[in-house]
Amino acid sequence: MAPRSQPTARQVRLGAELRKLRDSAGMSAREAAGTLSSTSAQMSQVEAGLSGVSEERVRRIAAIYGCEDEALVDALVAMASDRARGWWEEYRGVLPPAFLDLAELEHHARFIRVIGTAHVPGLLQTEDYARAVFAYWIPEGDLGSRVAHRMRRRAVLTRDGAVEYEAVIHESVLRTRVADRGVARAQLEEILQQSERPNVSVRVIPFDTDGFGGASAALLYAGGPVPALDTVQRDTPYGTAFLDSASQLLAMRTLFRKVESVSLDPLKSRDFIHRLAKDL
């Protein structure tokens, strides 16, 4: 089988986790390949996400590496066996790969926690708000696909088995008019409507909150099937970054807790947003 030319973030993550298990076992790629009747090149392709791996082989690899975490092994097996093409694949070659990887990440997440300090988080955006944000830096010809993709991502909030979603949003985000007054009011009303869902929680950090130094804290934290497979997505000046090392995940969990601790509770946040919408 020819190597994949564009592995998804999920495929890359599976390979990276297998490499972590090998490193923990203190085995070189050559040693592991010999034990598995494979080659170093084949091992490298699997660990880079360039080649698929069967469920049986994942279990064999885990056994050879001495991994006794059954929940983790089962989760890796599930990742290896998942070959379904999600709706986001329709946009391959149309949008940057990171857009597809984010949709796939949200689709598989057990929970999603978001900090918004620049824009309303994507899953809460209205179509007009999303269009205004993209139009600021995307050519007109590309707007349709960007907005359509963003709107389809929102299905994770309303589908059967909807994801548990918690957003912490700074007041500056709610007050910034990316378009006109009507778009701003509709966006606030949309946030209020979404926050009525039992799986959605929205918290606000008002301007006059003491102890908030997290103006650059924007992130999306997606819970994996086990904590070791959690993933953080952050936008950087150079593009989208997906973080998954144990130290990075710990730092991002700590960051989210700090930001959450200075926010209003969901009920007070609803009242706060309602007042903003009423004043527009």
Protein backbone atom coordinates (compact mmCIF):
# COMPACT_ATOMS: atom_id res chain seq x y z
CA MET A 1 0.00 0.00 0.00
CA ALA A 2 1.35 3.41 -1.02
CA PRO A 3 2.06 5.86 1.82
CA ARG A 4 -0.56 8.53 2.45
CA SER A 5 0.31 11.85 0.91
CA GLN A 6 -1.81 13.91 3.34
CA PRO A 7 -2.46 12.09 6.63
CA THR A 8 -5.10 13.65 8.85
CA ALA A 9 -4.26 14.96 12.32
CA ARG A 10 -6.05 11.92 13.76
CA GLN A 11 -3.91 9.53 11.72
CA VAL A 12 -0.77 11.40 12.71
CA ARG A 13 -1.85 11.27 16.35
CA LEU A 14 -2.28 7.49 16.25
CA GLY A 15 1.23 7.10 14.89
CA ALA A 16 2.63 9.52 17.44
CA GLU A 17 1.01 7.60 20.31
CA LEU A 18 2.51 4.34 19.04
CA ARG A 19 5.89 6.05 18.95
CA LYS A 20 5.41 7.25 22.54
CA LEU A 21 4.71 3.67 23.62
CA ARG A 22 7.88 2.51 21.89
CA ASP A 23 9.93 5.26 23.51
CA SER A 24 8.49 4.36 26.92
CA ALA A 25 9.53 0.75 26.32
CA GLY A 26 13.08 1.90 25.57
CA MET A 27 13.09 0.25 22.14
CA SER A 28 14.59 1.64 18.96
CA ALA A 29 12.60 1.59 15.72
CA ARG A 30 14.95 -1.10 14.43
CA GLU A 31 14.45 -3.28 17.51
CA ALA A 32 10.67 -2.87 17.36
CA ALA A 33 10.60 -3.63 13.64
CA GLY A 34 12.55 -6.84 14.17
CA THR A 35 10.16 -8.00 16.87
CA LEU A 36 7.18 -7.25 14.64
CA SER A 37 8.69 -8.83 11.50
CA SER A 38 8.68 -5.41 9.88
CA THR A 39 11.29 -2.90 8.71
CA SER A 40 12.48 0.37 10.16
CA ALA A 41 11.07 2.19 7.14
CA GLN A 42 7.64 0.64 7.65
CA MET A 43 7.74 1.51 11.35
CA SER A 44 8.63 5.09 10.52
CA GLN A 45 5.71 5.36 8.10
CA VAL A 46 3.26 4.00 10.67
CA GLU A 47 4.57 6.30 13.40
CA ALA A 48 4.34 9.30 11.06
CA GLY A 49 0.73 8.47 10.17
CA LEU A 50 1.73 7.80 6.56
CA SER A 51 0.64 4.15 6.69
CA GLY A 52 -2.38 2.53 8.27
CA VAL A 53 -2.17 -0.18 10.91
CA SER A 54 -4.65 -2.93 11.72
CA GLU A 55 -6.46 -3.29 15.04
CA GLU A 56 -4.72 -6.64 15.66
CA ARG A 57 -1.34 -5.09 15.01
CA VAL A 58 -2.02 -2.20 17.40
CA ARG A 59 -2.76 -4.70 20.16
CA ARG A 60 0.35 -6.68 19.32
CA ILE A 61 2.48 -3.53 19.33
CA ALA A 62 1.06 -2.50 22.71
CA ALA A 63 1.78 -5.95 24.14
CA ILE A 64 5.36 -5.95 22.89
CA TYR A 65 5.89 -2.50 24.38
CA GLY A 66 4.48 -3.65 27.70
CA CYS A 67 1.58 -1.19 27.74
CA GLU A 68 -0.89 -2.26 30.42
CA ASP A 69 -3.29 0.65 30.03
CA GLU A 70 -6.23 -1.24 28.53
CA ALA A 71 -8.37 1.87 28.07
CA LEU A 72 -5.61 3.58 26.08
CA VAL A 73 -5.01 0.49 23.95
CA ASP A 74 -8.74 0.15 23.22
CA ALA A 75 -8.86 3.83 22.22
CA LEU A 76 -5.89 3.40 19.87
CA VAL A 77 -7.54 0.31 18.36
CA ALA A 78 -10.68 2.34 17.75
CA MET A 79 -8.63 5.03 16.03
CA ALA A 80 -6.95 2.43 13.83
CA SER A 81 -10.26 0.83 12.85
CA ASP A 82 -12.04 4.10 12.06
CA ARG A 83 -11.83 4.42 8.29
CA ALA A 84 -15.10 6.24 7.73
CA ARG A 85 -14.98 9.40 5.65
CA GLY A 86 -16.56 12.27 7.55
CA TRP A 87 -18.44 15.13 5.91
CA TRP A 88 -15.33 17.31 6.19
CA GLU A 89 -13.62 15.20 3.51
CA GLU A 90 -15.81 16.98 0.97
CA TYR A 91 -13.61 20.02 1.58
CA ARG A 92 -10.26 18.30 1.02
CA GLY A 93 -8.38 20.27 -1.61
CA VAL A 94 -10.80 23.16 -1.12
CA LEU A 95 -9.83 24.30 2.39
CA PRO A 96 -6.51 24.06 4.25
CA PRO A 97 -6.03 20.64 5.94
CA ALA A 98 -6.19 22.24 9.40
CA PHE A 99 -9.86 23.10 8.82
CA LEU A 100 -10.64 19.44 8.15
CA ASP A 101 -8.55 18.28 11.10
CA LEU A 102 -10.43 20.63 13.44
CA ALA A 103 -13.82 19.35 12.26
CA GLU A 104 -12.64 15.76 12.73
CA LEU A 105 -11.30 16.59 16.20
CA GLU A 106 -14.62 18.12 17.27
CA HIS A 107 -16.56 15.20 15.81
CA HIS A 108 -14.73 12.66 17.96
CA ALA A 109 -14.41 14.79 21.13
CA ARG A 110 -15.99 13.69 24.41
CA PHE A 111 -16.11 17.33 25.50
CA ILE A 112 -14.94 20.68 24.17
CA ARG A 113 -13.76 23.63 26.26
CA VAL A 114 -13.10 26.94 24.54
CA ILE A 115 -11.65 30.30 25.53
CA GLY A 116 -12.61 33.19 23.25
CA THR A 117 -10.63 36.43 23.58
CA ALA A 118 -10.65 37.66 19.98
CA HIS A 119 -13.79 36.29 18.27
CA VAL A 120 -16.91 34.40 19.22
CA PRO A 121 -15.91 30.70 19.22
CA GLY A 122 -16.60 29.04 15.88
CA LEU A 123 -19.32 26.63 17.03
CA LEU A 124 -21.36 29.56 18.39
CA GLN A 125 -21.02 31.84 15.38
CA THR A 126 -23.92 32.83 13.15
CA GLU A 127 -23.47 32.63 9.40
CA ASP A 128 -23.35 36.42 9.06
CA TYR A 129 -20.79 36.75 11.85
CA ALA A 130 -18.58 34.03 10.34
CA ARG A 131 -18.82 35.64 6.91
CA ALA A 132 -17.77 39.01 8.31
CA VAL A 133 -14.76 37.50 10.11
CA PHE A 134 -13.57 35.57 7.06
CA ALA A 135 -14.22 38.47 4.67
CA TYR A 136 -11.69 40.57 6.56
CA TRP A 137 -8.81 38.46 5.28
CA ILE A 138 -10.14 35.88 2.76
CA PRO A 139 -10.81 36.57 -0.97
CA GLU A 140 -14.49 36.72 -1.91
CA GLY A 141 -14.22 33.55 -3.99
CA ASP A 142 -13.22 31.48 -0.98
CA LEU A 143 -15.85 32.81 1.42
CA GLY A 144 -18.63 30.39 0.54
CA SER A 145 -16.71 27.22 1.37
CA ARG A 146 -15.22 28.68 4.56
CA VAL A 147 -18.58 29.76 5.92
CA ALA A 148 -20.36 26.55 4.87
CA HIS A 149 -17.70 24.43 6.57
CA ARG A 150 -17.95 26.46 9.78
CA MET A 151 -21.74 26.14 9.84
CA ARG A 152 -21.57 22.37 9.36
CA ARG A 153 -19.19 22.06 12.31
CA ARG A 154 -21.98 23.28 14.57
CA ALA A 155 -23.80 19.95 14.22
CA VAL A 156 -21.76 18.49 17.09
CA LEU A 157 -23.81 20.66 19.46
CA THR A 158 -27.19 19.39 18.26
CA ARG A 159 -26.69 15.82 17.01
CA ASP A 160 -27.67 12.69 18.92
CA GLY A 161 -25.00 12.31 21.57
CA ALA A 162 -24.18 16.02 21.35
CA VAL A 163 -20.78 16.98 22.70
CA GLU A 164 -20.48 18.65 26.11
CA TYR A 165 -19.41 22.20 25.29
CA GLU A 166 -18.16 24.94 27.61
CA ALA A 167 -17.11 28.37 26.37
CA VAL A 168 -15.53 31.22 28.31
CA ILE A 169 -15.79 34.49 26.37
CA HIS A 170 -14.36 37.90 27.22
CA GLU A 171 -16.65 40.92 27.12
CA SER A 172 -14.51 42.53 24.43
CA VAL A 173 -15.49 39.70 22.08
CA LEU A 174 -19.19 40.26 22.72
CA ARG A 175 -18.91 44.02 22.18
CA THR A 176 -16.78 43.95 19.04
CA ARG A 177 -18.89 44.52 15.92
CA VAL A 178 -17.31 42.50 13.16
CA ALA A 179 -20.12 43.77 10.90
CA ASP A 180 -23.09 46.00 11.81
CA ARG A 181 -25.41 46.39 14.76
CA GLY A 182 -27.91 43.86 13.41
CA VAL A 183 -25.27 41.14 13.00
CA ALA A 184 -23.95 41.89 16.51
CA ARG A 185 -27.41 41.61 18.07
CA ALA A 186 -28.21 38.39 16.20
CA GLN A 187 -24.91 36.92 17.34
CA LEU A 188 -25.61 37.65 20.99
CA GLU A 189 -29.08 36.16 20.65
CA GLU A 190 -27.57 33.06 19.06
CA ILE A 191 -25.20 32.62 22.00
CA LEU A 192 -28.15 32.94 24.39
CA GLN A 193 -30.14 30.38 22.41
CA GLN A 194 -27.27 27.89 22.28
CA SER A 195 -26.61 28.31 26.01
CA GLU A 196 -30.11 26.98 26.70
CA ARG A 197 -29.04 23.55 25.49
CA PRO A 198 -28.29 21.13 28.34
CA ASN A 199 -24.90 20.31 26.83
CA VAL A 200 -23.78 23.93 26.34
CA SER A 201 -22.40 26.26 29.00
CA VAL A 202 -21.30 29.84 28.32
CA ARG A 203 -19.39 32.01 30.80
CA VAL A 204 -18.42 35.66 30.42
CA ILE A 205 -15.44 37.60 31.74
CA PRO A 206 -16.51 41.26 32.15
CA PHE A 207 -14.11 44.14 31.54
CA ASP A 208 -14.04 45.04 35.23
CA THR A 209 -12.92 41.59 36.38
CA ASP A 210 -9.81 41.66 38.57
CA GLY A 211 -7.03 39.14 38.08
CA PHE A 212 -7.48 38.39 34.38
CA GLY A 213 -4.17 38.38 32.53
CA GLY A 214 -5.23 35.93 29.84
CA ALA A 215 -5.85 38.19 26.86
CA SER A 216 -3.87 35.74 24.70
CA ALA A 217 -5.43 32.63 26.22
CA ALA A 218 -7.66 31.66 23.27
CA LEU A 219 -7.76 27.89 22.79
CA LEU A 220 -9.94 24.87 22.08
CA TYR A 221 -9.47 21.85 24.36
CA ALA A 222 -10.99 18.61 23.02
CA GLY A 223 -11.36 15.65 25.33
CA GLY A 224 -10.29 12.33 23.86
CA PRO A 225 -11.63 8.87 24.70
CA VAL A 226 -9.02 8.79 27.48
CA PRO A 227 -7.22 11.83 28.98
CA ALA A 228 -3.93 10.86 27.34
CA LEU A 229 -5.59 11.42 23.95
CA ASP A 230 -6.87 14.92 24.68
CA THR A 231 -5.89 17.56 22.11
CA VAL A 232 -5.57 21.34 22.17
CA GLN A 233 -6.01 23.49 19.10
CA ARG A 234 -4.59 27.00 19.07
CA ASP A 235 -4.29 29.61 16.34
CA THR A 236 -0.80 31.03 15.91
CA PRO A 237 0.65 33.74 13.64
CA TYR A 238 1.92 30.89 11.46
CA GLY A 239 -1.25 28.82 11.27
CA THR A 240 -3.11 26.29 13.38
CA ALA A 241 -1.26 24.24 15.99
CA PHE A 242 -2.44 20.97 17.56
CA LEU A 243 -0.85 20.24 20.95
CA ASP A 244 -0.91 16.81 22.57
CA SER A 245 2.14 16.22 24.76
CA ALA A 246 1.43 15.51 28.43
CA SER A 247 3.14 18.74 29.53
CA GLN A 248 1.24 20.84 26.98
CA LEU A 249 -2.11 19.33 27.95
CA LEU A 250 -1.43 19.96 31.63
CA ALA A 251 -0.48 23.57 30.90
CA MET A 252 -3.64 24.12 28.84
CA ARG A 253 -5.90 22.52 31.46
CA THR A 254 -4.34 24.80 34.06
CA LEU A 255 -4.82 27.80 31.78
CA PHE A 256 -8.49 26.98 31.22
CA ARG A 257 -9.12 26.60 34.96
CA LYS A 258 -7.48 29.99 35.63
CA VAL A 259 -9.61 31.72 33.02
CA GLU A 260 -12.77 29.93 34.12
CA SER A 261 -12.15 30.90 37.75
CA VAL A 262 -12.52 34.63 36.99
CA SER A 263 -15.62 34.28 34.79
CA LEU A 264 -19.25 34.74 35.76
CA ASP A 265 -21.29 31.60 36.34
CA PRO A 266 -23.55 30.51 33.44
CA LEU A 267 -26.74 32.09 34.83
CA LYS A 268 -25.10 35.47 35.50
CA SER A 269 -23.41 35.24 32.10
CA ARG A 270 -26.80 34.80 30.40
CA ASP A 271 -28.08 37.90 32.17
CA PHE A 272 -24.95 39.79 31.14
CA ILE A 273 -25.31 38.83 27.46
CA HIS A 274 -29.03 39.59 27.51
CA ARG A 275 -28.31 43.14 28.75
CA LEU A 276 -25.71 43.65 26.01
CA ALA A 277 -28.16 42.48 23.35
CA LYS A 278 -30.90 44.69 24.71
CA ASP A 279 -28.64 47.75 24.60
CA LEU A 280 -27.75 47.29 20.91
